[in-house]
Amino acid sequence: MTNPIPQLISDELYTTLARLNLLNQKVIRDFQIKRRYLDLREEGQRAADAIDQILEQYPYLQFDTVRKIIYSVKLPEEIREEIHA
C-alpha cells in the first residue's frame, strides 16, 4: 500500500490508518487529481489537455467534476502559502 500523501503523514501512519479504514479515499483521490493536474501543467500541457489525461485515469468522472476538484481542493502547500501570506 503506497502512501499517496507523504507530504502530510508518514508511510507507517498511512498504512495504519488505511488498515483501520480511517481514511477518506475520495479526499485522497482528489488530492492526487489536483497534484497530477499541477504536474501536467508544469510540463507545459494546456489545462483542457491535462484534464483529459486525468479523465483517462478516472473515466467514471466528468470533465466538470475534475475541473471542480482542481479549483476547490487545497493542497497542504497551498494552505501553508495562505497562512504565511
Foldseek 3Di string as FASTA:
>chain_A
DDDLCCVVDPPVVVVVCVVVVNDDVVLSVLLVLLVQQVVVVVVPDDNQVSLVVVCVVVVVDDSVVSVCSNVPDDDPVNVVVVVVD
